[in-house]
Amino acid sequence: MQPSDPAPPVLRPHAVPPDPSAWLTTSEAAAALGLNPKTLANTRSLGSGPCFHKIGGKVWYRGQDILTYQRRRRYIASGVRDEG
């Protein structure tokens, strides 16, 4: 009998939002959003993730773009966006 694999960690957004002027790597941005870095990379390729910058072949996210992305996904009820 094989020992069961441990459950994957529960991903949650950071309690402290990123500094709007900070530049974040994919891993840091994913952690701020509570996502797996591969999920964030997938949303980037689909065009559904936060805005990003590609500088010298490396992907960077601005803290302000992460905050904007989070605000755009705020709901007050199922299917009702909070426009505030």
PDB file of N, CA and C in Angstrom:
ATOM      1  N   MET A   1       0.836  -1.169   0.000  1.00  0.00           N
ATOM      2  CA  MET A   1       0.000   0.000   0.000  1.00  0.00           C
ATOM      3  C   MET A   1       0.888   1.242   0.000  1.00  0.00           C
ATOM      4  N   GLN A   2       0.630   2.161  -0.926  1.00  0.00           N
ATOM      5  CA  GLN A   2       1.419   3.378  -1.071  1.00  0.00           C
ATOM      6  C   GLN A   2       0.939   4.441  -0.095  1.00  0.00           C
ATOM      7  N   PRO A   3       1.870   5.147   0.536  1.00  0.00           N
ATOM      8  CA  PRO A   3       1.421   6.275   1.361  1.00  0.00           C
ATOM      9  C   PRO A   3       0.757   7.315   0.459  1.00  0.00           C
ATOM     10  N   SER A   4      -0.317   7.880   0.920  1.00  0.00           N
ATOM     11  CA  SER A   4      -1.027   8.861   0.096  1.00  0.00           C
ATOM     12  C   SER A   4      -0.196  10.137  -0.029  1.00  0.00           C
ATOM     13  N   ASP A   5      -0.310  10.747  -1.189  1.00  0.00           N
ATOM     14  CA  ASP A   5       0.406  12.004  -1.428  1.00  0.00           C
ATOM     15  C   ASP A   5      -0.212  13.090  -0.568  1.00  0.00           C
ATOM     16  N   PRO A   6       0.623  13.987  -0.047  1.00  0.00           N
ATOM     17  CA  PRO A   6       0.057  15.081   0.744  1.00  0.00           C
ATOM     18  C   PRO A   6      -0.805  15.980  -0.149  1.00  0.00           C
ATOM     19  N   ALA A   7      -1.818  16.542   0.434  1.00  0.00           N
ATOM     20  CA  ALA A   7      -2.705  17.439  -0.311  1.00  0.00           C
ATOM     21  C   ALA A   7      -1.929  18.683  -0.721  1.00  0.00           C
ATOM     22  N   PRO A   8      -2.216  19.210  -1.912  1.00  0.00           N
ATOM     23  CA  PRO A   8      -1.525  20.434  -2.323  1.00  0.00           C
ATOM     24  C   PRO A   8      -1.917  21.590  -1.412  1.00  0.00           C
ATOM     25  N   PRO A   9      -1.023  22.546  -1.251  1.00  0.00           N
ATOM     26  CA  PRO A   9      -1.339  23.674  -0.371  1.00  0.00           C
ATOM     27  C   PRO A   9      -2.504  24.487  -0.932  1.00  0.00           C
ATOM     28  N   VAL A  10      -3.291  25.045  -0.042  1.00  0.00           N
ATOM     29  CA  VAL A  10      -4.391  25.907  -0.451  1.00  0.00           C
ATOM     30  C   VAL A  10      -3.799  27.264  -0.817  1.00  0.00           C
ATOM     31  N   LEU A  11      -4.092  27.711  -2.013  1.00  0.00           N
ATOM     32  CA  LEU A  11      -3.553  28.993  -2.469  1.00  0.00           C
ATOM     33  C   LEU A  11      -4.542  30.095  -2.145  1.00  0.00           C
ATOM     34  N   ARG A  12      -4.071  31.127  -1.474  1.00  0.00           N
ATOM     35  CA  ARG A  12      -4.895  32.279  -1.109  1.00  0.00           C
ATOM     36  C   ARG A  12      -4.122  33.548  -1.440  1.00  0.00           C
ATOM     37  N   PRO A  13      -4.836  34.615  -1.798  1.00  0.00           N
ATOM     38  CA  PRO A  13      -4.137  35.886  -2.024  1.00  0.00           C
ATOM     39  C   PRO A  13      -3.458  36.359  -0.744  1.00  0.00           C
ATOM     40  N   HIS A  14      -2.360  37.068  -0.912  1.00  0.00           N
ATOM     41  CA  HIS A  14      -1.670  37.644   0.244  1.00  0.00           C
ATOM     42  C   HIS A  14      -2.593  38.615   0.959  1.00  0.00           C
ATOM     43  N   ALA A  15      -2.495  38.644   2.279  1.00  0.00           N
ATOM     44  CA  ALA A  15      -3.308  39.576   3.070  1.00  0.00           C
ATOM     45  C   ALA A  15      -2.867  41.016   2.837  1.00  0.00           C
ATOM     46  N   VAL A  16      -1.588  41.207   2.566  1.00  0.00           N
ATOM     47  CA  VAL A  16      -1.055  42.546   2.317  1.00  0.00           C
ATOM     48  C   VAL A  16      -0.892  42.709   0.807  1.00  0.00           C
ATOM     49  N   PRO A  17      -1.590  43.677   0.207  1.00  0.00           N
ATOM     50  CA  PRO A  17      -1.479  43.860  -1.241  1.00  0.00           C
ATOM     51  C   PRO A  17      -0.084  44.337  -1.625  1.00  0.00           C
ATOM     52  N   PRO A  18       0.310  44.107  -2.878  1.00  0.00           N
ATOM     53  CA  PRO A  18       1.642  44.553  -3.301  1.00  0.00           C
ATOM     54  C   PRO A  18       1.722  46.075  -3.361  1.00  0.00           C
ATOM     55  N   ASP A  19       2.922  46.579  -3.194  1.00  0.00           N
ATOM     56  CA  ASP A  19       3.188  48.011  -3.336  1.00  0.00           C
ATOM     57  C   ASP A  19       2.897  48.387  -4.793  1.00  0.00           C
ATOM     58  N   PRO A  20       2.067  49.407  -5.047  1.00  0.00           N
ATOM     59  CA  PRO A  20       1.733  49.764  -6.430  1.00  0.00           C
ATOM     60  C   PRO A  20       2.937  50.058  -7.313  1.00  0.00           C
ATOM     61  N   SER A  21       4.031  50.522  -6.735  1.00  0.00           N
ATOM     62  CA  SER A  21       5.204  50.853  -7.546  1.00  0.00           C
ATOM     63  C   SER A  21       6.189  49.690  -7.673  1.00  0.00           C
ATOM     64  N   ALA A  22       5.887  48.549  -7.058  1.00  0.00           N
ATOM     65  CA  ALA A  22       6.805  47.397  -7.082  1.00  0.00           C
ATOM     66  C   ALA A  22       6.734  46.675  -8.425  1.00  0.00           C
ATOM     67  N   TRP A  23       7.848  46.061  -8.787  1.00  0.00           N
ATOM     68  CA  TRP A  23       7.908  45.184  -9.950  1.00  0.00           C
ATOM     69  C   TRP A  23       7.982  43.758  -9.417  1.00  0.00           C
ATOM     70  N   LEU A  24       7.076  42.886  -9.870  1.00  0.00           N
ATOM     71  CA  LEU A  24       6.979  41.529  -9.359  1.00  0.00           C
ATOM     72  C   LEU A  24       7.303  40.510 -10.441  1.00  0.00           C
ATOM     73  N   THR A  25       7.954  39.430 -10.040  1.00  0.00           N
ATOM     74  CA  THR A  25       8.169  38.306 -10.946  1.00  0.00           C
ATOM     75  C   THR A  25       6.861  37.538 -11.081  1.00  0.00           C
ATOM     76  N   THR A  26       6.829  36.573 -11.965  1.00  0.00           N
ATOM     77  CA  THR A  26       5.632  35.746 -12.122  1.00  0.00           C
ATOM     78  C   THR A  26       5.301  35.031 -10.822  1.00  0.00           C
ATOM     79  N   SER A  27       6.298  34.497 -10.138  1.00  0.00           N
ATOM     80  CA  SER A  27       6.057  33.792  -8.872  1.00  0.00           C
ATOM     81  C   SER A  27       5.504  34.730  -7.813  1.00  0.00           C
ATOM     82  N   GLU A  28       6.055  35.938  -7.717  1.00  0.00           N
ATOM     83  CA  GLU A  28       5.587  36.904  -6.725  1.00  0.00           C
ATOM     84  C   GLU A  28       4.171  37.378  -7.037  1.00  0.00           C
ATOM     85  N   ALA A  29       3.901  37.642  -8.311  1.00  0.00           N
ATOM     86  CA  ALA A  29       2.559  38.076  -8.707  1.00  0.00           C
ATOM     87  C   ALA A  29       1.540  36.963  -8.468  1.00  0.00           C
ATOM     88  N   ALA A  30       1.921  35.726  -8.786  1.00  0.00           N
ATOM     89  CA  ALA A  30       1.020  34.594  -8.554  1.00  0.00           C
ATOM     90  C   ALA A  30       0.715  34.449  -7.069  1.00  0.00           C
ATOM     91  N   ALA A  31       1.725  34.605  -6.227  1.00  0.00           N
ATOM     92  CA  ALA A  31       1.513  34.508  -4.781  1.00  0.00           C
ATOM     93  C   ALA A  31       0.592  35.618  -4.296  1.00  0.00           C
ATOM     94  N   ALA A  32       0.761  36.828  -4.831  1.00  0.00           N
ATOM     95  CA  ALA A  32      -0.096  37.949  -4.430  1.00  0.00           C
ATOM     96  C   ALA A  32      -1.549  37.697  -4.810  1.00  0.00           C
ATOM     97  N   LEU A  33      -1.761  36.972  -5.912  1.00  0.00           N
ATOM     98  CA  LEU A  33      -3.115  36.685  -6.379  1.00  0.00           C
ATOM     99  C   LEU A  33      -3.668  35.364  -5.840  1.00  0.00           C
ATOM    100  N   GLY A  34      -2.816  34.570  -5.203  1.00  0.00           N
ATOM    101  CA  GLY A  34      -3.259  33.269  -4.711  1.00  0.00           C
ATOM    102  C   GLY A  34      -3.366  32.242  -5.818  1.00  0.00           C
ATOM    103  N   LEU A  35      -2.526  32.377  -6.827  1.00  0.00           N
ATOM    104  CA  LEU A  35      -2.532  31.463  -7.968  1.00  0.00           C
ATOM    105  C   LEU A  35      -1.233  30.685  -8.038  1.00  0.00           C
ATOM    106  N   ASN A  36      -1.281  29.582  -8.731  1.00  0.00           N
ATOM    107  CA  ASN A  36      -0.080  28.832  -9.064  1.00  0.00           C
ATOM    108  C   ASN A  36       0.625  29.614 -10.174  1.00  0.00           C
ATOM    109  N   PRO A  37       1.965  29.714 -10.161  1.00  0.00           N
ATOM    110  CA  PRO A  37       2.654  30.444 -11.237  1.00  0.00           C
ATOM    111  C   PRO A  37       2.316  29.925 -12.636  1.00  0.00           C
ATOM    112  N   LYS A  38       2.087  28.627 -12.782  1.00  0.00           N
ATOM    113  CA  LYS A  38       1.725  28.081 -14.096  1.00  0.00           C
ATOM    114  C   LYS A  38       0.348  28.564 -14.524  1.00  0.00           C
ATOM    115  N   THR A  39      -0.558  28.725 -13.563  1.00  0.00           N
ATOM    116  CA  THR A  39      -1.889  29.250 -13.878  1.00  0.00           C
ATOM    117  C   THR A  39      -1.783  30.689 -14.353  1.00  0.00           C
ATOM    118  N   LEU A  40      -0.960  31.486 -13.680  1.00  0.00           N
ATOM    119  CA  LEU A  40      -0.763  32.879 -14.095  1.00  0.00           C
ATOM    120  C   LEU A  40      -0.144  32.941 -15.490  1.00  0.00           C
ATOM    121  N   ALA A  41       0.819  32.080 -15.769  1.00  0.00           N
ATOM    122  CA  ALA A  41       1.427  32.038 -17.106  1.00  0.00           C
ATOM    123  C   ALA A  41       0.381  31.654 -18.155  1.00  0.00           C
ATOM    124  N   ASN A  42      -0.517  30.748 -17.807  1.00  0.00           N
ATOM    125  CA  ASN A  42      -1.572  30.343 -18.729  1.00  0.00           C
ATOM    126  C   ASN A  42      -2.520  31.503 -19.011  1.00  0.00           C
ATOM    127  N   THR A  43      -2.930  32.241 -17.961  1.00  0.00           N
ATOM    128  CA  THR A  43      -3.815  33.389 -18.186  1.00  0.00           C
ATOM    129  C   THR A  43      -3.116  34.445 -19.027  1.00  0.00           C
ATOM    130  N   ARG A  44      -1.811  34.569 -18.866  1.00  0.00           N
ATOM    131  CA  ARG A  44      -1.031  35.521 -19.663  1.00  0.00           C
ATOM    132  C   ARG A  44      -1.089  35.130 -21.138  1.00  0.00           C
ATOM    133  N   SER A  45      -0.916  33.849 -21.436  1.00  0.00           N
ATOM    134  CA  SER A  45      -0.929  33.408 -22.835  1.00  0.00           C
ATOM    135  C   SER A  45      -2.321  33.511 -23.448  1.00  0.00           C
ATOM    136  N   LEU A  46      -3.366  33.394 -22.614  1.00  0.00           N
ATOM    137  CA  LEU A  46      -4.738  33.508 -23.105  1.00  0.00           C
ATOM    138  C   LEU A  46      -5.214  34.957 -23.183  1.00  0.00           C
ATOM    139  N   GLY A  47      -4.447  35.878 -22.595  1.00  0.00           N
ATOM    140  CA  GLY A  47      -4.833  37.279 -22.600  1.00  0.00           C
ATOM    141  C   GLY A  47      -5.885  37.619 -21.560  1.00  0.00           C
ATOM    142  N   SER A  48      -6.073  36.751 -20.572  1.00  0.00           N
ATOM    143  CA  SER A  48      -7.107  36.997 -19.563  1.00  0.00           C
ATOM    144  C   SER A  48      -6.521  37.371 -18.201  1.00  0.00           C
ATOM    145  N   GLY A  49      -5.224  37.429 -18.089  1.00  0.00           N
ATOM    146  CA  GLY A  49      -4.581  37.751 -16.820  1.00  0.00           C
ATOM    147  C   GLY A  49      -4.294  39.233 -16.692  1.00  0.00           C
ATOM    148  N   PRO A  50      -3.569  39.592 -15.630  1.00  0.00           N
ATOM    149  CA  PRO A  50      -3.218  41.003 -15.445  1.00  0.00           C
ATOM    150  C   PRO A  50      -2.215  41.458 -16.506  1.00  0.00           C
ATOM    151  N   CYS A  51      -2.154  42.781 -16.700  1.00  0.00           N
ATOM    152  CA  CYS A  51      -1.178  43.348 -17.634  1.00  0.00           C
ATOM    153  C   CYS A  51       0.229  42.975 -17.178  1.00  0.00           C
ATOM    154  N   PHE A  52       1.116  42.782 -18.129  1.00  0.00           N
ATOM    155  CA  PHE A  52       2.496  42.425 -17.799  1.00  0.00           C
ATOM    156  C   PHE A  52       3.440  43.140 -18.745  1.00  0.00           C
ATOM    157  N   HIS A  53       4.702  43.137 -18.384  1.00  0.00           N
ATOM    158  CA  HIS A  53       5.760  43.744 -19.188  1.00  0.00           C
ATOM    159  C   HIS A  53       6.802  42.675 -19.464  1.00  0.00           C
ATOM    160  N   LYS A  54       7.325  42.668 -20.664  1.00  0.00           N
ATOM    161  CA  LYS A  54       8.394  41.733 -20.993  1.00  0.00           C
ATOM    162  C   LYS A  54       9.634  42.563 -21.274  1.00  0.00           C
ATOM    163  N   ILE A  55      10.610  42.430 -20.389  1.00  0.00           N
ATOM    164  CA  ILE A  55      11.834  43.220 -20.471  1.00  0.00           C
ATOM    165  C   ILE A  55      13.019  42.261 -20.491  1.00  0.00           C
ATOM    166  N   GLY A  56      13.788  42.316 -21.547  1.00  0.00           N
ATOM    167  CA  GLY A  56      14.958  41.452 -21.659  1.00  0.00           C
ATOM    168  C   GLY A  56      14.611  39.970 -21.615  1.00  0.00           C
ATOM    169  N   GLY A  57      13.456  39.607 -22.138  1.00  0.00           N
ATOM    170  CA  GLY A  57      13.047  38.209 -22.162  1.00  0.00           C
ATOM    171  C   GLY A  57      12.451  37.719 -20.853  1.00  0.00           C
ATOM    172  N   LYS A  58      12.312  38.593 -19.871  1.00  0.00           N
ATOM    173  CA  LYS A  58      11.743  38.212 -18.585  1.00  0.00           C
ATOM    174  C   LYS A  58      10.417  38.942 -18.392  1.00  0.00           C
ATOM    175  N   VAL A  59       9.455  38.252 -17.797  1.00  0.00           N
ATOM    176  CA  VAL A  59       8.125  38.812 -17.566  1.00  0.00           C
ATOM    177  C   VAL A  59       8.078  39.475 -16.198  1.00  0.00           C
ATOM    178  N   TRP A  60       7.544  40.699 -16.166  1.00  0.00           N
ATOM    179  CA  TRP A  60       7.393  41.458 -14.932  1.00  0.00           C
ATOM    180  C   TRP A  60       5.971  41.970 -14.826  1.00  0.00           C
ATOM    181  N   TYR A  61       5.486  42.068 -13.595  1.00  0.00           N
ATOM    182  CA  TYR A  61       4.163  42.638 -13.313  1.00  0.00           C
ATOM    183  C   TYR A  61       4.360  43.832 -12.384  1.00  0.00           C
ATOM    184  N   ARG A  62       3.657  44.919 -12.655  1.00  0.00           N
ATOM    185  CA  ARG A  62       3.674  46.063 -11.735  1.00  0.00           C
ATOM    186  C   ARG A  62       2.643  45.811 -10.652  1.00  0.00           C
ATOM    187  N   GLY A  63       2.952  46.233  -9.446  1.00  0.00           N
ATOM    188  CA  GLY A  63       2.015  46.076  -8.342  1.00  0.00           C
ATOM    189  C   GLY A  63       0.674  46.717  -8.651  1.00  0.00           C
ATOM    190  N   GLN A  64       0.705  47.883  -9.304  1.00  0.00           N
ATOM    191  CA  GLN A  64      -0.537  48.585  -9.660  1.00  0.00           C
ATOM    192  C   GLN A  64      -1.399  47.736 -10.593  1.00  0.00           C
ATOM    193  N   ASP A  65      -0.774  47.020 -11.521  1.00  0.00           N
ATOM    194  CA  ASP A  65      -1.532  46.168 -12.440  1.00  0.00           C
ATOM    195  C   ASP A  65      -2.174  44.992 -11.714  1.00  0.00           C
ATOM    196  N   ILE A  66      -1.505  44.468 -10.702  1.00  0.00           N
ATOM    197  CA  ILE A  66      -2.075  43.381  -9.900  1.00  0.00           C
ATOM    198  C   ILE A  66      -3.286  43.892  -9.128  1.00  0.00           C
ATOM    199  N   LEU A  67      -3.165  45.077  -8.529  1.00  0.00           N
ATOM    200  CA  LEU A  67      -4.281  45.665  -7.779  1.00  0.00           C
ATOM    201  C   LEU A  67      -5.471  45.948  -8.697  1.00  0.00           C
ATOM    202  N   THR A  68      -5.209  46.460  -9.894  1.00  0.00           N
ATOM    203  CA  THR A  68      -6.271  46.730 -10.860  1.00  0.00           C
ATOM    204  C   THR A  68      -6.959  45.437 -11.271  1.00  0.00           C
ATOM    205  N   TYR A  69      -6.178  44.405 -11.520  1.00  0.00           N
ATOM    206  CA  TYR A  69      -6.728  43.096 -11.898  1.00  0.00           C
ATOM    207  C   TYR A  69      -7.630  42.554 -10.790  1.00  0.00           C
ATOM    208  N   GLN A  70      -7.217  42.697  -9.536  1.00  0.00           N
ATOM    209  CA  GLN A  70      -8.034  42.233  -8.414  1.00  0.00           C
ATOM    210  C   GLN A  70      -9.331  43.028  -8.324  1.00  0.00           C
ATOM    211  N   ARG A  71      -9.267  44.327  -8.504  1.00  0.00           N
ATOM    212  CA  ARG A  71     -10.475  45.166  -8.419  1.00  0.00           C
ATOM    213  C   ARG A  71     -11.478  44.812  -9.509  1.00  0.00           C
ATOM    214  N   ARG A  72     -10.981  44.485 -10.695  1.00  0.00           N
ATOM    215  CA  ARG A  72     -11.877  44.140 -11.804  1.00  0.00           C
ATOM    216  C   ARG A  72     -12.616  42.829 -11.557  1.00  0.00           C
ATOM    217  N   ARG A  73     -12.170  42.041 -10.602  1.00  0.00           N
ATOM    218  CA  ARG A  73     -12.792  40.758 -10.320  1.00  0.00           C
ATOM    219  C   ARG A  73     -13.574  40.757  -9.011  1.00  0.00           C
ATOM    220  N   ARG A  74     -13.994  41.913  -8.574  1.00  0.00           N
ATOM    221  CA  ARG A  74     -14.748  42.016  -7.330  1.00  0.00           C
ATOM    222  C   ARG A  74     -16.249  41.932  -7.632  1.00  0.00           C
ATOM    223  N   TYR A  75     -16.931  41.063  -6.900  1.00  0.00           N
ATOM    224  CA  TYR A  75     -18.373  40.857  -7.079  1.00  0.00           C
ATOM    225  C   TYR A  75     -19.092  41.114  -5.765  1.00  0.00           C
ATOM    226  N   ILE A  76     -20.325  41.594  -5.846  1.00  0.00           N
ATOM    227  CA  ILE A  76     -21.144  41.767  -4.646  1.00  0.00           C
ATOM    228  C   ILE A  76     -22.207  40.678  -4.560  1.00  0.00           C
ATOM    229  N   ALA A  77     -22.455  39.968  -5.638  1.00  0.00           N
ATOM    230  CA  ALA A  77     -23.360  38.823  -5.677  1.00  0.00           C
ATOM    231  C   ALA A  77     -22.983  38.012  -6.905  1.00  0.00           C
ATOM    232  N   SER A  78     -23.484  36.811  -6.993  1.00  0.00           N
ATOM    233  CA  SER A  78     -23.164  35.972  -8.144  1.00  0.00           C
ATOM    234  C   SER A  78     -23.555  36.691  -9.434  1.00  0.00           C
ATOM    235  N   GLY A  79     -22.575  36.908 -10.263  1.00  0.00           N
ATOM    236  CA  GLY A  79     -22.806  37.550 -11.556  1.00  0.00           C
ATOM    237  C   GLY A  79     -22.981  39.064 -11.503  1.00  0.00           C
ATOM    238  N   VAL A  80     -22.893  39.690 -10.335  1.00  0.00           N
ATOM    239  CA  VAL A  80     -23.059  41.140 -10.213  1.00  0.00           C
ATOM    240  C   VAL A  80     -21.736  41.737  -9.774  1.00  0.00           C
ATOM    241  N   ARG A  81     -21.090  42.448 -10.691  1.00  0.00           N
ATOM    242  CA  ARG A  81     -19.794  43.068 -10.376  1.00  0.00           C
ATOM    243  C   ARG A  81     -19.981  44.301  -9.513  1.00  0.00           C
ATOM    244  N   ASP A  82     -19.025  44.515  -8.649  1.00  0.00           N
ATOM    245  CA  ASP A  82     -18.985  45.734  -7.839  1.00  0.00           C
ATOM    246  C   ASP A  82     -18.277  46.784  -8.660  1.00  0.00           C
ATOM    247  N   GLU A  83     -18.993  47.730  -9.142  1.00  0.00           N
ATOM    248  CA  GLU A  83     -18.422  48.766 -10.019  1.00  0.00           C
ATOM    249  C   GLU A  83     -17.712  49.869  -9.247  1.00  0.00           C
ATOM    250  N   GLY A  84     -17.718  49.807  -7.924  1.00  0.00           N
ATOM    251  CA  GLY A  84     -17.120  50.854  -7.102  1.00  0.00           C
ATOM    252  C   GLY A  84     -15.657  50.819  -6.997  1.00  0.00           C
TER     253      GLY A  84
END
